[in-house]
Amino acid sequence: MKPVSIVIFFIAIFVLSLQNLYSLDISITDKELGFGSRGEYNRTFNYSQDHAVLGSMELNNRYVLKTGFSLGKTGDSADIKAFGSGHFSLFAGIPLNFHLAYVYNGLPGFQMHSHSIQPYFSYAGRWAGIALGINLRNTSFFGDNIFESILSFSSHFNFVNNEKILVSIKCANFNDFYIRNFGSFFINLNGVMKLNSHWSLVTELELLQSGIEAGVINFYGMAFMGGLKYRW
């Protein structure tokens, strides 16, 4: 199946699922707004940083719409990231979801603009979860265009998961704002501490690598993120 056919197929599934939404009594069951800052050291650009705003809305405990914008610097160039995504639960009571996301990355100083469409499935239980899909990415760099089809994957394990604290470790090659190549995955340790009924503190320590050669992981950099989430 050609990449364009894959995109059309998954978009059709997503649109058909939304059609079912209009036949329901629609209610907003959850809303969240997040703010965060991230600092990264890597072997290519030395220090990079960005500041992000994210928001999400859940409908009928099943459909979730999410979007976000990030502005920062990579080396001496401005770094712009944005995404919009939606996902829904395939079966009531089972944490198996289908996601469809659009991700934009831009480095104007290098005349680089990247547009990604990412359909993927995920399963997220109380203690562990996985995600698997495909990233269809078109990148322009100084006027040249490159199209890539890349496998996307993610897995995590929760060490602590209660009403106050969540601590987990994740291995993946994508997040909301950036989808990396297949071999360029990251490992992060992240935590969420609930401060009260509305506010939560979010932290994340991330190790980056640039690929695997002869079974050896090549260290690329590390990053730290801190932020707040407001839920109502």
Protein backbone atom coordinates (compact mmCIF):
# COMPACT_ATOMS: atom_id res chain seq x y z
CA MET A 1 0.00 0.00 0.00
CA LYS A 2 1.37 3.43 -0.96
CA PRO A 3 1.92 6.05 1.79
CA VAL A 4 -0.83 8.30 0.38
CA SER A 5 -3.27 5.38 0.48
CA ILE A 6 -2.33 4.69 4.10
CA VAL A 7 -3.04 8.31 5.04
CA ILE A 8 -6.42 8.26 3.27
CA PHE A 9 -7.34 4.98 4.97
CA PHE A 10 -6.57 6.22 8.49
CA ILE A 11 -8.19 9.62 7.89
CA ALA A 12 -11.34 7.81 6.74
CA ILE A 13 -11.41 5.77 9.97
CA PHE A 14 -10.96 8.93 12.04
CA VAL A 15 -13.68 10.87 10.19
CA LEU A 16 -16.14 7.98 10.45
CA SER A 17 -15.54 7.80 14.18
CA LEU A 18 -16.26 11.50 14.52
CA GLN A 19 -19.52 11.03 12.65
CA ASN A 20 -20.65 8.75 15.47
CA LEU A 21 -19.94 11.60 17.89
CA TYR A 22 -22.73 13.73 16.45
CA SER A 23 -25.30 11.01 17.19
CA LEU A 24 -24.39 11.14 20.89
CA ASP A 25 -25.22 13.57 23.65
CA ILE A 26 -21.90 15.43 23.60
CA SER A 27 -20.43 16.51 26.91
CA ILE A 28 -16.98 17.79 27.86
CA THR A 29 -15.67 15.32 30.43
CA ASP A 30 -12.17 16.73 30.94
CA LYS A 31 -10.15 19.86 30.09
CA GLU A 32 -6.44 20.50 30.59
CA LEU A 33 -4.01 23.33 29.96
CA GLY A 34 -0.24 22.93 30.32
CA PHE A 35 2.83 25.17 30.34
CA GLY A 36 6.44 24.01 30.24
CA SER A 37 10.05 24.97 29.54
CA ARG A 38 12.72 22.61 28.23
CA GLY A 39 16.50 22.91 28.09
CA GLU A 40 18.62 20.54 26.00
CA TYR A 41 22.33 19.97 25.51
CA ASN A 42 23.37 18.03 22.39
CA ARG A 43 26.51 17.39 20.38
CA THR A 44 25.33 19.32 17.30
CA PHE A 45 24.00 22.64 18.60
CA ASN A 46 25.28 22.60 22.20
CA TYR A 47 22.48 24.30 24.15
CA SER A 48 18.85 24.52 22.94
CA GLN A 49 15.70 25.62 24.72
CA ASP A 50 11.98 25.98 24.11
CA HIS A 51 8.81 27.07 25.89
CA ALA A 52 5.51 25.36 25.19
CA VAL A 53 1.77 25.74 25.75
CA LEU A 54 -0.56 22.73 25.36
CA GLY A 55 -4.27 22.19 25.70
CA SER A 56 -6.59 19.20 25.50
CA MET A 57 -10.30 18.47 25.72
CA GLU A 58 -12.01 15.14 26.28
CA LEU A 59 -15.54 14.44 25.04
CA ASN A 60 -17.81 11.76 26.48
CA ASN A 61 -14.86 10.01 28.17
CA ARG A 62 -13.81 8.65 24.77
CA TYR A 63 -12.73 11.33 22.28
CA VAL A 64 -9.73 13.60 22.94
CA LEU A 65 -8.60 16.64 20.96
CA LYS A 66 -5.18 18.10 21.73
CA THR A 67 -3.02 20.92 20.40
CA GLY A 68 0.15 22.77 21.33
CA PHE A 69 2.70 25.39 20.29
CA SER A 70 6.38 25.70 21.17
CA LEU A 71 8.84 28.52 20.53
CA GLY A 72 12.56 28.43 21.33
CA LYS A 73 16.10 28.38 19.94
CA THR A 74 18.22 25.60 18.49
CA GLY A 75 21.77 26.89 18.31
CA ASP A 76 21.44 30.43 16.95
CA SER A 77 18.24 29.72 15.00
CA ALA A 78 14.65 30.19 16.10
CA ASP A 79 12.89 26.85 16.61
CA ILE A 80 9.13 26.63 16.00
CA LYS A 81 7.05 23.53 16.76
CA ALA A 82 3.31 22.94 16.67
CA PHE A 83 0.95 19.99 16.65
CA GLY A 84 -2.70 19.06 16.53
CA SER A 85 -4.01 15.59 17.28
CA GLY A 86 -7.09 13.58 18.04
CA HIS A 87 -7.66 10.11 19.38
CA PHE A 88 -10.54 7.94 20.42
CA SER A 89 -11.07 4.73 22.34
CA LEU A 90 -11.82 1.82 20.03
CA PHE A 91 -13.75 -0.13 22.67
CA ALA A 92 -15.58 1.17 25.72
CA GLY A 93 -13.76 0.25 28.92
CA ILE A 94 -10.57 -0.89 27.13
CA PRO A 95 -7.60 1.57 26.91
CA LEU A 96 -6.92 0.80 23.22
CA ASN A 97 -6.86 4.01 21.17
CA PHE A 98 -6.42 5.16 17.61
CA HIS A 99 -4.53 8.45 17.12
CA LEU A 100 -4.10 10.79 14.18
CA ALA A 101 -1.61 13.65 14.60
CA TYR A 102 -0.16 16.49 12.56
CA VAL A 103 3.25 17.84 13.64
CA TYR A 104 5.13 20.87 12.30
CA ASN A 105 8.82 21.60 12.98
CA GLY A 106 10.58 24.68 11.61
CA LEU A 107 14.08 26.14 11.75
CA PRO A 108 13.75 29.37 9.72
CA GLY A 109 17.47 30.10 9.98
CA PHE A 110 18.21 26.90 8.06
CA GLN A 111 15.18 27.25 5.76
CA MET A 112 13.97 23.91 7.17
CA HIS A 113 10.27 23.10 7.45
CA SER A 114 8.92 19.66 8.30
CA HIS A 115 5.31 18.47 8.09
CA SER A 116 4.31 15.08 9.52
CA ILE A 117 1.11 13.06 9.51
CA GLN A 118 1.20 10.27 12.07
CA PRO A 119 -1.48 7.60 12.48
CA TYR A 120 -0.83 5.15 15.31
CA PHE A 121 -2.45 2.83 17.84
CA SER A 122 -1.78 2.83 21.56
CA TYR A 123 -2.61 0.75 24.61
CA ALA A 124 -2.21 2.40 28.02
CA GLY A 125 -2.89 0.38 31.15
CA ARG A 126 -2.34 1.45 34.73
CA TRP A 127 1.23 0.13 34.90
CA ALA A 128 2.44 -0.01 31.29
CA GLY A 129 1.64 1.03 27.75
CA ILE A 130 2.81 0.79 24.15
CA ALA A 131 2.22 2.68 20.90
CA LEU A 132 3.00 1.76 17.31
CA GLY A 133 2.36 3.53 14.03
CA ILE A 134 3.89 5.28 11.06
CA ASN A 135 5.18 8.80 10.45
CA LEU A 136 4.66 10.21 6.96
CA ARG A 137 6.98 13.22 6.84
CA ASN A 138 7.81 15.78 4.18
CA THR A 139 10.84 18.00 4.87
CA SER A 140 12.03 21.01 2.86
CA PHE A 141 15.63 22.11 3.40
CA PHE A 142 16.99 25.08 1.42
CA GLY A 143 14.37 24.37 -1.24
CA ASP A 144 14.90 20.60 -1.50
CA ASN A 145 12.03 18.30 -0.51
CA ILE A 146 12.40 14.87 1.07
CA PHE A 147 9.53 12.47 1.80
CA GLU A 148 10.04 9.74 4.40
CA SER A 149 7.97 6.93 5.86
CA ILE A 150 9.23 6.09 9.36
CA LEU A 151 8.10 3.59 11.99
CA SER A 152 6.97 5.28 15.22
CA PHE A 153 7.08 3.46 18.54
CA SER A 154 6.76 4.14 22.23
CA SER A 155 6.67 2.07 25.41
CA HIS A 156 6.48 3.05 29.07
CA PHE A 157 6.33 1.53 32.52
CA ASN A 158 4.86 3.22 35.60
CA PHE A 159 6.80 2.66 38.81
CA VAL A 160 4.31 4.66 40.89
CA ASN A 161 0.73 5.43 39.89
CA ASN A 162 -1.67 6.68 42.52
CA GLU A 163 -3.95 9.67 43.11
CA LYS A 164 -1.05 11.96 44.05
CA ILE A 165 2.06 10.83 42.13
CA LEU A 166 2.92 9.25 38.79
CA VAL A 167 6.52 8.17 38.08
CA SER A 168 7.36 6.38 34.84
CA ILE A 169 10.15 5.54 32.41
CA LYS A 170 9.63 5.74 28.66
CA CYS A 171 11.52 4.63 25.56
CA ALA A 172 10.23 6.16 22.30
CA ASN A 173 11.15 7.95 19.10
CA PHE A 174 8.33 10.52 19.20
CA ASN A 175 6.45 12.90 21.44
CA ASP A 176 3.76 15.54 20.85
CA PHE A 177 6.14 18.09 19.32
CA TYR A 178 8.79 16.04 17.52
CA ILE A 179 9.00 12.71 15.68
CA ARG A 180 12.52 11.33 15.39
CA ASN A 181 13.95 8.74 13.00
CA PHE A 182 13.49 5.06 13.85
CA GLY A 183 16.94 4.50 15.40
CA SER A 184 17.07 7.88 17.16
CA PHE A 185 15.02 7.07 20.21
CA PHE A 186 15.12 8.65 23.65
CA ILE A 187 14.76 7.34 27.18
CA ASN A 188 13.18 9.56 29.80
CA LEU A 189 12.21 9.48 33.42
CA ASN A 190 9.17 11.60 34.10
CA GLY A 191 6.98 12.42 37.04
CA VAL A 192 3.68 14.13 37.75
CA MET A 193 2.83 15.36 41.25
CA LYS A 194 -0.74 16.47 41.95
CA LEU A 195 -0.59 19.66 44.04
CA ASN A 196 -4.36 20.04 44.51
CA SER A 197 -7.59 19.26 42.66
CA HIS A 198 -6.58 21.46 39.70
CA TRP A 199 -2.79 21.94 39.55
CA SER A 200 -0.04 19.37 38.90
CA LEU A 201 3.74 19.71 38.71
CA VAL A 202 5.40 17.95 35.74
CA THR A 203 9.12 17.10 35.39
CA GLU A 204 11.06 15.09 32.84
CA LEU A 205 14.71 14.04 32.47
CA GLU A 206 15.58 12.78 29.01
CA LEU A 207 18.60 11.01 27.46
CA LEU A 208 18.94 11.28 23.68
CA GLN A 209 20.89 9.11 21.27
CA SER A 210 21.56 9.40 17.54
CA GLY A 211 21.42 5.77 16.46
CA ILE A 212 22.73 2.29 17.10
CA GLU A 213 25.85 0.97 15.40
CA ALA A 214 27.03 -2.64 15.99
CA GLY A 215 24.70 -2.83 18.99
CA VAL A 216 26.22 0.26 20.64
CA ILE A 217 24.02 3.22 21.50
CA ASN A 218 25.53 6.57 20.43
CA PHE A 219 24.95 9.26 23.06
CA TYR A 220 23.63 12.50 21.54
CA GLY A 221 22.50 14.68 24.41
CA MET A 222 20.26 15.18 27.41
CA ALA A 223 17.35 17.43 28.30
CA PHE A 224 15.29 18.53 31.29
CA MET A 225 11.72 19.82 31.24
CA GLY A 226 9.62 21.33 33.99
CA GLY A 227 6.09 22.66 33.88
CA LEU A 228 2.59 22.91 35.29
CA LYS A 229 -0.76 21.45 34.26
CA TYR A 230 -4.16 22.92 35.12
CA ARG A 231 -7.14 20.57 34.94
CA TRP A 232 -10.79 21.39 35.36
